[in-house]
Amino acid sequence: MLRLTVTDRGTTRRLECAAVLFDMDGTLVDSSRCVERTWLAWCARHGIDSDALFRVSHGRRNRETVALMAPHLPPPEVEREIAALVRAEEACRDGIAAVPGARRVLAALPADRWAVVTSAWRRLAEIRLRAAGLPEPRVLVTADDVTAGKPDPEGYLRAAASLGAEPARCLVVEDAPAGLAAARAAGMRTLALRSRLTAGRPHLDLLCDDLTALRHEGAG
């Protein structure tokens, strides 16, 4: 078992878990400039309120965001829009960086005890992890690997199974409501990074500002 501590604003909590499952964007990697640039351009093209989009898009796969915000688009146009979003996001490197504490935490954890579960597709996940200077995990579950994206628990359950860890013994680190809902649906504990998206959310097991608060104390 992994022995972890979470220190938030002067209070330290200790916990044990079999594995730590991380979201990527906003949790390990700051890709906000690229994400905002891509979706602002898309909203402008379609006359969609960008504030309304950003309230629901974070943590979701692009296809599901398009379906939520533009249900009127015919299937052929949806496919063209998805392809355009893929090209724009894969080409962008602006401002991509590791979230504070991410490199230290990943270096401290045993390689077979952590995974990344992201709503990005595999190529984009690899691009962003590399651009941020973070290691590619042994277990990387992306949008390409699931039939349903967050808030469905499929991705987190798949990662836990790949690591040989019981869901109830996993800790999920997330910054988005959709991801936190997915983790809860999977029966996993959650550590939420404090943001405007998680502010005031009920049922958060643990909360902290960033990954500098999370430390691996050893394995039992």
Foldseek 3Di string as FASTA:
>chain_A
DWWKWFAAPHDIDIDAFQAEEEEPDPAFKPPPVLVCVLVVVVCVVVVFDVVVLVLPPPQAAPLVSCCVGPVPDDVVVSVVSNVVSVVSLLPDLPPIATWPQNQVACVQDDLLRYEYQYAAADSSRVSRCVSHVHDHGPHYHYVVNDPGGFVALVRVVVSCVVSVGQLQRYEYEEAAPRVVNSSVVSNYAYEYADDPRCPPPPDHPHYHPGNVRMDTPDDD
